[in-house]
Amino acid sequence: MGVNNPTKPPQDVPRGHVASIITHLEMLDKPVLSAIKSSLSLEKWEKPPVAEYLALFREVGEPWLWTSRLLMTEDQVEAIIHHPETDIYVVRDDNSVVGFIELDFRQSGQCEIGFFGLVAGMNGKGHGRWMMNQALTRAWREGIERVWLHTCTQDSPRALPFYQQCGFGIFKQQLDMMIDPRLSGHLPKTAAPHVPMFI
């Protein structure tokens, strides 16, 4: 396979690190949402205990190497999830919590869909569009002019096209490199088998 740009060789990834492309997407107009039925339900989670929040964060995010909140102190996590402009909702399948949505309104006039996901056993069953409708209904509250989110190449390959199908458009991409959380001990070595470990 040839080098696409011979004047600028590819950047080496150091051992023990993971490289990814982050894609940022935005929606600038409130969409008209069609009603979608689901067997799931949504419940607002007021001031979740940090340990319970992180356990759910791990369960949902482990397949995709979600690590941001795992690298913070408990006080730092609590400051975000208990902030009056952060709304967290749990997704339930009967009495079982199977996912969550986190909406960040801390920047005036904007809402970031900070986290959006289901536990592994619930993925690929057609729940995503219902969840996104729930998220957008709550994100586009009075005074909001922009809703945005981001995904990366560690995420499901279905994630980016799904967000675009929901009406989000790409406005920025970034290259990122981080210490592999499976090698630092923040996640088990079995996490995200689709992402190679470079030891």
N, C-alpha and C. Protein backbone atom coordinates (compact mmCIF):
# COMPACT_ATOMS: atom_id res chain seq x y z
N MET A 1 0.85 -1.19 0.00
CA MET A 1 0.00 0.00 0.00
C MET A 1 0.89 1.24 0.00
N GLY A 2 0.60 2.19 -0.87
CA GLY A 2 1.42 3.38 -0.98
C GLY A 2 1.08 4.42 0.07
N VAL A 3 1.99 5.37 0.26
CA VAL A 3 1.77 6.49 1.17
C VAL A 3 0.96 7.54 0.44
N ASN A 4 -0.13 8.00 1.04
CA ASN A 4 -1.00 8.96 0.38
C ASN A 4 -0.35 10.32 0.19
N ASN A 5 0.47 10.73 1.15
CA ASN A 5 1.12 12.04 1.08
C ASN A 5 2.62 11.85 1.33
N PRO A 6 3.40 11.65 0.28
CA PRO A 6 4.82 11.36 0.48
C PRO A 6 5.60 12.53 1.08
N THR A 7 5.05 13.75 1.04
CA THR A 7 5.75 14.89 1.64
C THR A 7 5.54 14.98 3.13
N LYS A 8 4.56 14.23 3.65
CA LYS A 8 4.28 14.25 5.09
C LYS A 8 4.01 12.83 5.54
N PRO A 9 5.04 12.13 6.01
CA PRO A 9 4.87 10.72 6.39
C PRO A 9 3.91 10.57 7.57
N PRO A 10 3.28 9.41 7.69
CA PRO A 10 2.36 9.18 8.80
C PRO A 10 3.06 9.35 10.15
N GLN A 11 2.30 9.80 11.14
CA GLN A 11 2.84 9.98 12.49
C GLN A 11 2.88 8.64 13.20
N ASP A 12 4.01 8.35 13.84
CA ASP A 12 4.13 7.12 14.60
C ASP A 12 3.28 7.19 15.88
N VAL A 13 2.67 6.06 16.22
CA VAL A 13 1.96 5.94 17.49
C VAL A 13 2.92 5.29 18.48
N PRO A 14 3.22 5.95 19.60
CA PRO A 14 4.13 5.34 20.58
C PRO A 14 3.55 4.06 21.16
N ARG A 15 4.42 3.15 21.54
CA ARG A 15 3.96 1.93 22.20
C ARG A 15 3.15 2.29 23.44
N GLY A 16 2.11 1.52 23.67
CA GLY A 16 1.27 1.77 24.84
C GLY A 16 0.23 2.83 24.64
N HIS A 17 0.11 3.36 23.43
CA HIS A 17 -0.85 4.41 23.14
C HIS A 17 -1.89 3.94 22.12
N VAL A 18 -2.97 4.69 22.05
CA VAL A 18 -4.03 4.45 21.07
C VAL A 18 -4.28 5.75 20.33
N ALA A 19 -4.34 5.69 19.02
CA ALA A 19 -4.63 6.87 18.21
C ALA A 19 -6.06 6.78 17.69
N SER A 20 -6.71 7.91 17.56
CA SER A 20 -8.07 7.91 17.02
C SER A 20 -8.36 9.24 16.33
N ILE A 21 -9.37 9.22 15.49
CA ILE A 21 -9.89 10.43 14.86
C ILE A 21 -11.20 10.77 15.56
N ILE A 22 -11.28 11.99 16.09
CA ILE A 22 -12.50 12.47 16.74
C ILE A 22 -13.29 13.29 15.73
N THR A 23 -14.55 12.98 15.58
CA THR A 23 -15.43 13.72 14.67
C THR A 23 -16.48 14.45 15.49
N HIS A 24 -16.53 15.77 15.33
CA HIS A 24 -17.49 16.61 16.03
C HIS A 24 -18.64 16.93 15.08
N LEU A 25 -19.86 16.79 15.58
CA LEU A 25 -21.05 17.03 14.76
C LEU A 25 -21.99 17.99 15.48
N GLU A 26 -22.77 18.74 14.69
CA GLU A 26 -23.70 19.69 15.28
C GLU A 26 -25.02 19.71 14.53
N MET A 27 -26.04 20.23 15.23
CA MET A 27 -27.37 20.44 14.68
C MET A 27 -27.75 21.87 15.04
N LEU A 28 -28.10 22.67 14.05
CA LEU A 28 -28.35 24.10 14.27
C LEU A 28 -29.82 24.47 14.22
N ASP A 29 -30.67 23.55 13.86
CA ASP A 29 -32.11 23.80 13.80
C ASP A 29 -32.85 22.69 14.52
N LYS A 30 -33.84 23.07 15.29
CA LYS A 30 -34.63 22.08 16.00
C LYS A 30 -35.37 21.20 15.00
N PRO A 31 -35.20 19.89 15.10
CA PRO A 31 -35.83 19.00 14.11
C PRO A 31 -37.29 18.71 14.45
N VAL A 32 -38.03 18.30 13.43
CA VAL A 32 -39.37 17.75 13.64
C VAL A 32 -39.20 16.25 13.81
N LEU A 33 -39.56 15.75 14.97
CA LEU A 33 -39.31 14.35 15.29
C LEU A 33 -40.58 13.52 15.15
N SER A 34 -40.46 12.42 14.47
CA SER A 34 -41.57 11.48 14.35
C SER A 34 -41.66 10.62 15.60
N ALA A 35 -42.86 10.29 15.98
CA ALA A 35 -43.04 9.44 17.16
C ALA A 35 -42.48 8.05 16.89
N ILE A 36 -41.71 7.55 17.84
CA ILE A 36 -41.12 6.22 17.73
C ILE A 36 -41.45 5.45 19.01
N LYS A 37 -42.03 4.28 18.85
CA LYS A 37 -42.37 3.46 20.01
C LYS A 37 -41.17 2.62 20.43
N SER A 38 -41.11 2.35 21.71
CA SER A 38 -40.02 1.53 22.22
C SER A 38 -40.48 0.80 23.47
N SER A 39 -39.88 -0.33 23.72
CA SER A 39 -40.14 -1.06 24.96
C SER A 39 -39.34 -0.48 26.12
N LEU A 40 -38.42 0.43 25.80
CA LEU A 40 -37.58 1.05 26.82
C LEU A 40 -38.26 2.28 27.40
N SER A 41 -37.75 2.75 28.51
CA SER A 41 -38.25 3.98 29.12
C SER A 41 -37.08 4.82 29.60
N LEU A 42 -37.35 6.11 29.82
CA LEU A 42 -36.32 7.05 30.23
C LEU A 42 -36.71 7.65 31.57
N GLU A 43 -35.71 7.81 32.44
CA GLU A 43 -35.97 8.35 33.77
C GLU A 43 -34.83 9.29 34.15
N LYS A 44 -35.18 10.50 34.59
CA LYS A 44 -34.14 11.44 34.99
C LYS A 44 -33.46 10.95 36.26
N TRP A 45 -32.14 11.06 36.27
CA TRP A 45 -31.33 10.59 37.40
C TRP A 45 -30.79 11.83 38.11
N GLU A 46 -31.44 12.19 39.18
CA GLU A 46 -31.06 13.38 39.92
C GLU A 46 -29.86 13.10 40.83
N LYS A 47 -28.81 13.88 40.66
CA LYS A 47 -27.60 13.79 41.49
C LYS A 47 -27.19 12.33 41.75
N PRO A 48 -26.82 11.63 40.70
CA PRO A 48 -26.44 10.22 40.88
C PRO A 48 -25.22 10.07 41.78
N PRO A 49 -25.20 9.07 42.65
CA PRO A 49 -23.98 8.79 43.41
C PRO A 49 -22.83 8.52 42.45
N VAL A 50 -21.67 9.06 42.76
CA VAL A 50 -20.54 8.97 41.84
C VAL A 50 -20.19 7.51 41.53
N ALA A 51 -20.16 6.66 42.54
CA ALA A 51 -19.78 5.26 42.32
C ALA A 51 -20.77 4.56 41.38
N GLU A 52 -22.07 4.83 41.55
CA GLU A 52 -23.07 4.21 40.68
C GLU A 52 -22.99 4.76 39.26
N TYR A 53 -22.75 6.07 39.16
CA TYR A 53 -22.59 6.67 37.84
C TYR A 53 -21.40 6.06 37.11
N LEU A 54 -20.26 5.96 37.80
CA LEU A 54 -19.06 5.43 37.15
C LEU A 54 -19.22 3.96 36.78
N ALA A 55 -19.97 3.21 37.59
CA ALA A 55 -20.21 1.80 37.25
C ALA A 55 -21.01 1.70 35.94
N LEU A 56 -22.01 2.57 35.79
CA LEU A 56 -22.79 2.56 34.55
C LEU A 56 -21.96 3.08 33.38
N PHE A 57 -21.16 4.11 33.64
CA PHE A 57 -20.25 4.64 32.61
C PHE A 57 -19.33 3.54 32.09
N ARG A 58 -18.78 2.75 33.00
CA ARG A 58 -17.91 1.64 32.61
C ARG A 58 -18.67 0.59 31.80
N GLU A 59 -19.85 0.24 32.28
CA GLU A 59 -20.60 -0.83 31.62
C GLU A 59 -20.97 -0.46 30.19
N VAL A 60 -21.38 0.80 30.01
CA VAL A 60 -21.76 1.25 28.67
C VAL A 60 -20.52 1.52 27.81
N GLY A 61 -19.52 2.14 28.39
CA GLY A 61 -18.40 2.63 27.60
C GLY A 61 -17.22 1.71 27.41
N GLU A 62 -17.13 0.65 28.19
CA GLU A 62 -15.96 -0.23 28.09
C GLU A 62 -15.69 -0.76 26.68
N PRO A 63 -16.73 -1.16 25.92
CA PRO A 63 -16.44 -1.67 24.57
C PRO A 63 -15.84 -0.62 23.64
N TRP A 64 -15.96 0.66 24.01
CA TRP A 64 -15.51 1.75 23.12
C TRP A 64 -14.37 2.56 23.74
N LEU A 65 -13.78 2.03 24.80
CA LEU A 65 -12.66 2.68 25.49
C LEU A 65 -13.01 4.06 26.05
N TRP A 66 -14.25 4.24 26.52
CA TRP A 66 -14.57 5.48 27.21
C TRP A 66 -13.72 5.57 28.47
N THR A 67 -12.98 6.64 28.61
CA THR A 67 -12.10 6.76 29.77
C THR A 67 -12.16 8.11 30.46
N SER A 68 -12.75 9.12 29.83
CA SER A 68 -12.63 10.49 30.35
C SER A 68 -12.97 10.60 31.82
N ARG A 69 -14.09 10.05 32.23
CA ARG A 69 -14.50 10.19 33.63
C ARG A 69 -13.69 9.28 34.56
N LEU A 70 -13.10 8.24 34.01
CA LEU A 70 -12.30 7.32 34.82
C LEU A 70 -10.96 7.93 35.20
N LEU A 71 -10.54 8.97 34.48
CA LEU A 71 -9.26 9.63 34.76
C LEU A 71 -9.42 10.79 35.73
N MET A 72 -10.65 11.10 36.10
CA MET A 72 -10.92 12.22 37.01
C MET A 72 -11.00 11.74 38.45
N THR A 73 -10.83 12.68 39.38
CA THR A 73 -11.09 12.37 40.79
C THR A 73 -12.60 12.31 41.00
N GLU A 74 -13.02 11.72 42.10
CA GLU A 74 -14.45 11.65 42.39
C GLU A 74 -15.04 13.05 42.51
N ASP A 75 -14.29 13.98 43.11
CA ASP A 75 -14.78 15.36 43.25
C ASP A 75 -14.98 16.01 41.89
N GLN A 76 -14.09 15.75 40.95
CA GLN A 76 -14.22 16.33 39.61
C GLN A 76 -15.44 15.76 38.89
N VAL A 77 -15.64 14.46 39.03
CA VAL A 77 -16.82 13.84 38.41
C VAL A 77 -18.09 14.40 39.04
N GLU A 78 -18.12 14.48 40.35
CA GLU A 78 -19.31 14.98 41.04
C GLU A 78 -19.63 16.41 40.63
N ALA A 79 -18.60 17.23 40.44
CA ALA A 79 -18.83 18.63 40.06
C ALA A 79 -19.56 18.73 38.72
N ILE A 80 -19.31 17.76 37.84
CA ILE A 80 -19.98 17.76 36.53
C ILE A 80 -21.37 17.16 36.62
N ILE A 81 -21.48 15.98 37.19
CA ILE A 81 -22.76 15.27 37.14
C ILE A 81 -23.79 15.84 38.11
N HIS A 82 -23.35 16.62 39.10
CA HIS A 82 -24.29 17.28 40.01
C HIS A 82 -24.49 18.75 39.66
N HIS A 83 -23.87 19.20 38.58
CA HIS A 83 -24.02 20.60 38.17
C HIS A 83 -25.48 20.85 37.77
N PRO A 84 -26.05 21.99 38.15
CA PRO A 84 -27.46 22.24 37.80
C PRO A 84 -27.74 22.31 36.31
N GLU A 85 -26.70 22.48 35.49
CA GLU A 85 -26.89 22.54 34.03
C GLU A 85 -26.48 21.23 33.35
N THR A 86 -26.37 20.16 34.13
CA THR A 86 -26.13 18.82 33.57
C THR A 86 -27.35 17.96 33.87
N ASP A 87 -27.93 17.37 32.84
CA ASP A 87 -29.07 16.47 33.00
C ASP A 87 -28.66 15.06 32.60
N ILE A 88 -28.92 14.11 33.48
CA ILE A 88 -28.59 12.72 33.22
C ILE A 88 -29.87 11.89 33.29
N TYR A 89 -30.04 11.03 32.29
CA TYR A 89 -31.21 10.16 32.22
C TYR A 89 -30.74 8.72 32.09
N VAL A 90 -31.38 7.83 32.83
CA VAL A 90 -31.08 6.41 32.66
C VAL A 90 -32.14 5.81 31.74
N VAL A 91 -31.70 4.86 30.94
CA VAL A 91 -32.59 4.11 30.05
C VAL A 91 -32.89 2.79 30.74
N ARG A 92 -34.17 2.46 30.84
CA ARG A 92 -34.57 1.23 31.53
C ARG A 92 -35.25 0.25 30.57
N ASP A 93 -34.97 -1.01 30.78
CA ASP A 93 -35.68 -2.11 30.14
C ASP A 93 -36.38 -2.83 31.28
N ASP A 94 -37.67 -2.55 31.47
CA ASP A 94 -38.39 -2.95 32.69
C ASP A 94 -37.66 -2.35 33.89
N ASN A 95 -37.16 -3.17 34.80
CA ASN A 95 -36.50 -2.62 35.99
C ASN A 95 -34.98 -2.53 35.85
N SER A 96 -34.46 -2.97 34.71
CA SER A 96 -33.00 -2.98 34.53
C SER A 96 -32.52 -1.70 33.85
N VAL A 97 -31.47 -1.11 34.38
CA VAL A 97 -30.84 0.05 33.74
C VAL A 97 -29.94 -0.48 32.63
N VAL A 98 -30.19 -0.02 31.40
CA VAL A 98 -29.46 -0.56 30.25
C VAL A 98 -28.72 0.52 29.46
N GLY A 99 -28.72 1.74 29.95
CA GLY A 99 -28.01 2.79 29.24
C GLY A 99 -28.24 4.14 29.89
N PHE A 100 -27.64 5.17 29.28
CA PHE A 100 -27.87 6.51 29.80
C PHE A 100 -27.60 7.56 28.73
N ILE A 101 -28.19 8.73 28.98
CA ILE A 101 -27.99 9.91 28.14
C ILE A 101 -27.56 11.04 29.07
N GLU A 102 -26.54 11.76 28.69
CA GLU A 102 -26.08 12.90 29.50
C GLU A 102 -26.07 14.15 28.64
N LEU A 103 -26.80 15.17 29.08
CA LEU A 103 -26.93 16.42 28.37
C LEU A 103 -26.25 17.53 29.16
N ASP A 104 -25.38 18.26 28.50
CA ASP A 104 -24.58 19.31 29.14
C ASP A 104 -25.01 20.68 28.60
N PHE A 105 -25.64 21.47 29.48
CA PHE A 105 -26.12 22.79 29.11
C PHE A 105 -25.24 23.89 29.70
N ARG A 106 -24.03 23.56 30.12
CA ARG A 106 -23.21 24.54 30.83
C ARG A 106 -22.75 25.69 29.96
N GLN A 107 -22.72 25.51 28.65
CA GLN A 107 -22.39 26.61 27.74
C GLN A 107 -23.69 27.24 27.25
N SER A 108 -23.83 28.53 27.47
CA SER A 108 -25.07 29.23 27.17
C SER A 108 -25.50 29.05 25.71
N GLY A 109 -26.78 28.74 25.50
CA GLY A 109 -27.33 28.60 24.17
C GLY A 109 -27.01 27.30 23.47
N GLN A 110 -26.30 26.40 24.16
CA GLN A 110 -25.89 25.15 23.53
C GLN A 110 -26.18 23.97 24.43
N CYS A 111 -26.32 22.83 23.80
CA CYS A 111 -26.41 21.57 24.53
C CYS A 111 -25.47 20.57 23.89
N GLU A 112 -24.60 20.02 24.67
CA GLU A 112 -23.75 18.92 24.21
C GLU A 112 -24.37 17.61 24.69
N ILE A 113 -24.59 16.70 23.76
CA ILE A 113 -24.95 15.34 24.15
C ILE A 113 -23.63 14.68 24.53
N GLY A 114 -23.32 14.76 25.82
CA GLY A 114 -22.00 14.34 26.29
C GLY A 114 -21.80 12.84 26.21
N PHE A 115 -22.81 12.10 26.62
CA PHE A 115 -22.74 10.64 26.56
C PHE A 115 -24.09 10.10 26.15
N PHE A 116 -24.05 9.02 25.37
CA PHE A 116 -25.25 8.47 24.77
C PHE A 116 -24.94 7.01 24.45
N GLY A 117 -25.51 6.10 25.20
CA GLY A 117 -25.16 4.71 24.90
C GLY A 117 -25.94 3.70 25.71
N LEU A 118 -25.88 2.47 25.23
CA LEU A 118 -26.53 1.33 25.85
C LEU A 118 -25.48 0.29 26.22
N VAL A 119 -25.82 -0.58 27.14
CA VAL A 119 -24.93 -1.69 27.47
C VAL A 119 -24.83 -2.61 26.26
N ALA A 120 -23.77 -3.38 26.22
CA ALA A 120 -23.45 -4.16 25.01
C ALA A 120 -24.60 -5.03 24.53
N GLY A 121 -25.31 -5.68 25.44
CA GLY A 121 -26.37 -6.61 25.05
C GLY A 121 -27.57 -5.95 24.41
N MET A 122 -27.67 -4.62 24.52
CA MET A 122 -28.82 -3.90 23.96
C MET A 122 -28.50 -3.23 22.64
N ASN A 123 -27.25 -3.23 22.24
CA ASN A 123 -26.88 -2.58 20.99
C ASN A 123 -27.33 -3.39 19.78
N GLY A 124 -27.59 -2.68 18.69
CA GLY A 124 -27.96 -3.35 17.45
C GLY A 124 -29.38 -3.88 17.41
N LYS A 125 -30.24 -3.41 18.31
CA LYS A 125 -31.63 -3.89 18.37
C LYS A 125 -32.63 -2.81 17.98
N GLY A 126 -32.14 -1.71 17.40
CA GLY A 126 -33.05 -0.69 16.90
C GLY A 126 -33.50 0.33 17.93
N HIS A 127 -32.83 0.40 19.07
CA HIS A 127 -33.23 1.35 20.12
C HIS A 127 -32.63 2.74 19.92
N GLY A 128 -31.64 2.87 19.07
CA GLY A 128 -30.90 4.11 18.96
C GLY A 128 -31.73 5.30 18.55
N ARG A 129 -32.61 5.13 17.54
CA ARG A 129 -33.39 6.27 17.07
C ARG A 129 -34.37 6.75 18.15
N TRP A 130 -34.97 5.81 18.87
CA TRP A 130 -35.84 6.21 19.98
C TRP A 130 -35.05 7.00 21.02
N MET A 131 -33.88 6.49 21.37
CA MET A 131 -33.04 7.20 22.35
C MET A 131 -32.67 8.59 21.87
N MET A 132 -32.31 8.71 20.59
CA MET A 132 -31.92 10.02 20.07
C MET A 132 -33.11 10.98 20.09
N ASN A 133 -34.29 10.48 19.76
CA ASN A 133 -35.47 11.34 19.85
C ASN A 133 -35.68 11.83 21.27
N GLN A 134 -35.47 10.95 22.24
CA GLN A 134 -35.59 11.36 23.64
C GLN A 134 -34.55 12.42 23.99
N ALA A 135 -33.33 12.21 23.52
CA ALA A 135 -32.26 13.17 23.80
C ALA A 135 -32.55 14.52 23.16
N LEU A 136 -32.95 14.52 21.89
CA LEU A 136 -33.18 15.78 21.18
C LEU A 136 -34.40 16.53 21.73
N THR A 137 -35.42 15.80 22.12
CA THR A 137 -36.59 16.44 22.72
C THR A 137 -36.19 17.23 23.96
N ARG A 138 -35.26 16.70 24.73
CA ARG A 138 -34.83 17.36 25.96
C ARG A 138 -33.71 18.37 25.71
N ALA A 139 -32.91 18.13 24.70
CA ALA A 139 -31.80 19.05 24.41
C ALA A 139 -32.29 20.38 23.85
N TRP A 140 -33.30 20.33 22.99
CA TRP A 140 -33.80 21.55 22.35
C TRP A 140 -34.82 22.26 23.24
N ARG A 141 -34.38 22.62 24.43
CA ARG A 141 -35.27 23.38 25.30
C ARG A 141 -35.16 24.87 24.96
N GLU A 142 -35.96 25.67 25.58
CA GLU A 142 -36.00 27.10 25.26
C GLU A 142 -34.62 27.73 25.41
N GLY A 143 -34.24 28.53 24.42
CA GLY A 143 -32.97 29.24 24.46
C GLY A 143 -31.81 28.50 23.81
N ILE A 144 -32.03 27.24 23.41
CA ILE A 144 -30.95 26.47 22.79
C ILE A 144 -30.91 26.74 21.29
N GLU A 145 -29.73 27.05 20.79
CA GLU A 145 -29.53 27.36 19.37
C GLU A 145 -28.66 26.32 18.67
N ARG A 146 -28.06 25.44 19.44
CA ARG A 146 -27.13 24.47 18.85
C ARG A 146 -27.04 23.24 19.75
N VAL A 147 -27.14 22.07 19.14
CA VAL A 147 -26.93 20.81 19.85
C VAL A 147 -25.78 20.10 19.15
N TRP A 148 -24.84 19.60 19.91
CA TRP A 148 -23.67 18.97 19.30
C TRP A 148 -23.21 17.76 20.10
N LEU A 149 -22.37 16.98 19.46
CA LEU A 149 -21.80 15.79 20.09
C LEU A 149 -20.53 15.40 19.34
N HIS A 150 -19.85 14.40 19.83
CA HIS A 150 -18.69 13.90 19.08
C HIS A 150 -18.61 12.38 19.21
N THR A 151 -17.94 11.79 18.25
CA THR A 151 -17.68 10.37 18.26
C THR A 151 -16.24 10.17 17.79
N CYS A 152 -15.76 8.94 17.85
CA CYS A 152 -14.38 8.70 17.42
C CYS A 152 -14.27 7.31 16.80
N THR A 153 -13.10 7.03 16.28
CA THR A 153 -12.90 5.77 15.55
C THR A 153 -12.85 4.55 16.48
N GLN A 154 -12.84 4.76 17.80
CA GLN A 154 -12.97 3.62 18.71
C GLN A 154 -14.43 3.22 18.87
N ASP A 155 -15.34 4.12 18.52
CA ASP A 155 -16.76 3.87 18.68
C ASP A 155 -17.24 2.85 17.64
N SER A 156 -18.49 2.44 17.77
CA SER A 156 -19.08 1.53 16.80
C SER A 156 -19.01 2.15 15.40
N PRO A 157 -18.71 1.37 14.38
CA PRO A 157 -18.70 1.92 13.02
C PRO A 157 -20.07 2.42 12.58
N ARG A 158 -21.11 2.04 13.30
CA ARG A 158 -22.46 2.52 12.98
C ARG A 158 -22.74 3.90 13.57
N ALA A 159 -21.90 4.36 14.51
CA ALA A 159 -22.21 5.58 15.25
C ALA A 159 -22.22 6.82 14.35
N LEU A 160 -21.15 7.05 13.60
CA LEU A 160 -21.08 8.26 12.78
C LEU A 160 -22.20 8.33 11.76
N PRO A 161 -22.44 7.30 10.94
CA PRO A 161 -23.56 7.40 10.00
C PRO A 161 -24.91 7.55 10.71
N PHE A 162 -25.05 6.95 11.88
CA PHE A 162 -26.29 7.10 12.64
C PHE A 162 -26.52 8.56 13.01
N TYR A 163 -25.49 9.22 13.53
CA TYR A 163 -25.66 10.62 13.92
C TYR A 163 -25.97 11.49 12.71
N GLN A 164 -25.35 11.19 11.59
CA GLN A 164 -25.64 11.95 10.38
C GLN A 164 -27.07 11.71 9.90
N GLN A 165 -27.54 10.48 10.00
CA GLN A 165 -28.92 10.18 9.62
C GLN A 165 -29.91 10.89 10.53
N CYS A 166 -29.50 11.17 11.75
CA CYS A 166 -30.37 11.87 12.70
C CYS A 166 -30.38 13.37 12.47
N GLY A 167 -29.54 13.87 11.56
CA GLY A 167 -29.56 15.29 11.23
C GLY A 167 -28.35 16.08 11.67
N PHE A 168 -27.35 15.42 12.23
CA PHE A 168 -26.13 16.12 12.63
C PHE A 168 -25.16 16.23 11.46
N GLY A 169 -24.46 17.35 11.37
CA GLY A 169 -23.45 17.55 10.34
C GLY A 169 -22.07 17.74 10.95
N ILE A 170 -21.06 17.24 10.28
CA ILE A 170 -19.69 17.35 10.77
C ILE A 170 -19.21 18.80 10.68
N PHE A 171 -18.61 19.29 11.76
CA PHE A 171 -18.01 20.63 11.70
C PHE A 171 -16.53 20.64 12.05
N LYS A 172 -16.02 19.53 12.57
CA LYS A 172 -14.59 19.50 12.90
C LYS A 172 -14.15 18.06 13.10
N GLN A 173 -12.89 17.78 12.71
CA GLN A 173 -12.26 16.51 13.04
C GLN A 173 -10.90 16.77 13.66
N GLN A 174 -10.51 15.88 14.57
CA GLN A 174 -9.23 16.01 15.27
C GLN A 174 -8.55 14.66 15.37
N LEU A 175 -7.22 14.68 15.39
CA LEU A 175 -6.43 13.50 15.70
C LEU A 175 -6.13 13.51 17.19
N ASP A 176 -6.28 12.37 17.83
CA ASP A 176 -6.03 12.28 19.27
C ASP A 176 -5.17 11.06 19.55
N MET A 177 -4.38 11.16 20.59
CA MET A 177 -3.56 10.04 21.01
C MET A 177 -3.58 9.99 22.53
N MET A 178 -3.83 8.81 23.07
CA MET A 178 -3.87 8.68 24.53
C MET A 178 -3.19 7.39 24.96
N ILE A 179 -2.79 7.36 26.21
CA ILE A 179 -2.25 6.12 26.78
C ILE A 179 -3.37 5.09 26.78
N ASP A 180 -3.08 3.90 26.33
CA ASP A 180 -4.10 2.85 26.23
C ASP A 180 -4.63 2.54 27.64
N PRO A 181 -5.92 2.79 27.88
CA PRO A 181 -6.46 2.57 29.23
C PRO A 181 -6.47 1.11 29.66
N ARG A 182 -6.30 0.20 28.71
CA ARG A 182 -6.22 -1.22 29.05
C ARG A 182 -4.84 -1.56 29.60
N LEU A 183 -3.86 -0.74 29.26
CA LEU A 183 -2.50 -0.96 29.77
C LEU A 183 -2.24 -0.16 31.04
N SER A 184 -2.99 0.94 31.21
CA SER A 184 -2.82 1.75 32.42
C SER A 184 -3.63 1.21 33.58
N GLY A 185 -4.50 0.22 33.31
CA GLY A 185 -5.30 -0.38 34.37
C GLY A 185 -6.67 0.26 34.57
N HIS A 186 -7.02 1.25 33.76
CA HIS A 186 -8.33 1.90 33.90
C HIS A 186 -9.45 1.06 33.31
N LEU A 187 -9.12 0.21 32.35
CA LEU A 187 -10.09 -0.71 31.76
C LEU A 187 -9.43 -2.08 31.62
N PRO A 188 -10.22 -3.15 31.61
CA PRO A 188 -9.63 -4.49 31.46
C PRO A 188 -9.04 -4.68 30.07
N LYS A 189 -8.10 -5.59 29.97
CA LYS A 189 -7.45 -5.83 28.67
C LYS A 189 -8.39 -6.44 27.65
N THR A 190 -9.54 -6.92 28.10
CA THR A 190 -10.53 -7.49 27.18
C THR A 190 -11.41 -6.42 26.54
N ALA A 191 -11.30 -5.17 27.00
CA ALA A 191 -12.14 -4.10 26.46
C ALA A 191 -11.78 -3.80 25.01
N ALA A 192 -12.77 -3.42 24.24
CA ALA A 192 -12.59 -2.96 22.86
C ALA A 192 -11.64 -3.85 22.06
N PRO A 193 -11.99 -5.12 21.85
CA PRO A 193 -11.10 -6.01 21.10
C PRO A 193 -10.88 -5.57 19.65
N HIS A 194 -11.73 -4.67 19.14
CA HIS A 194 -11.56 -4.18 17.77
C HIS A 194 -10.45 -3.14 17.66
N VAL A 195 -9.94 -2.68 18.82
CA VAL A 195 -8.85 -1.70 18.82
C VAL A 195 -7.57 -2.41 19.21
N PRO A 196 -6.57 -2.49 18.34
CA PRO A 196 -5.36 -3.23 18.66
C PRO A 196 -4.55 -2.60 19.79
N MET A 197 -3.98 -3.46 20.64
CA MET A 197 -3.06 -2.97 21.67
C MET A 197 -1.65 -3.01 21.10
N PHE A 198 -0.96 -1.89 21.23
CA PHE A 198 0.41 -1.78 20.72
C PHE A 198 1.32 -1.74 21.93
N ILE A 199 1.84 -2.92 22.29
CA ILE A 199 2.63 -3.06 23.53
C ILE A 199 4.11 -2.98 23.24
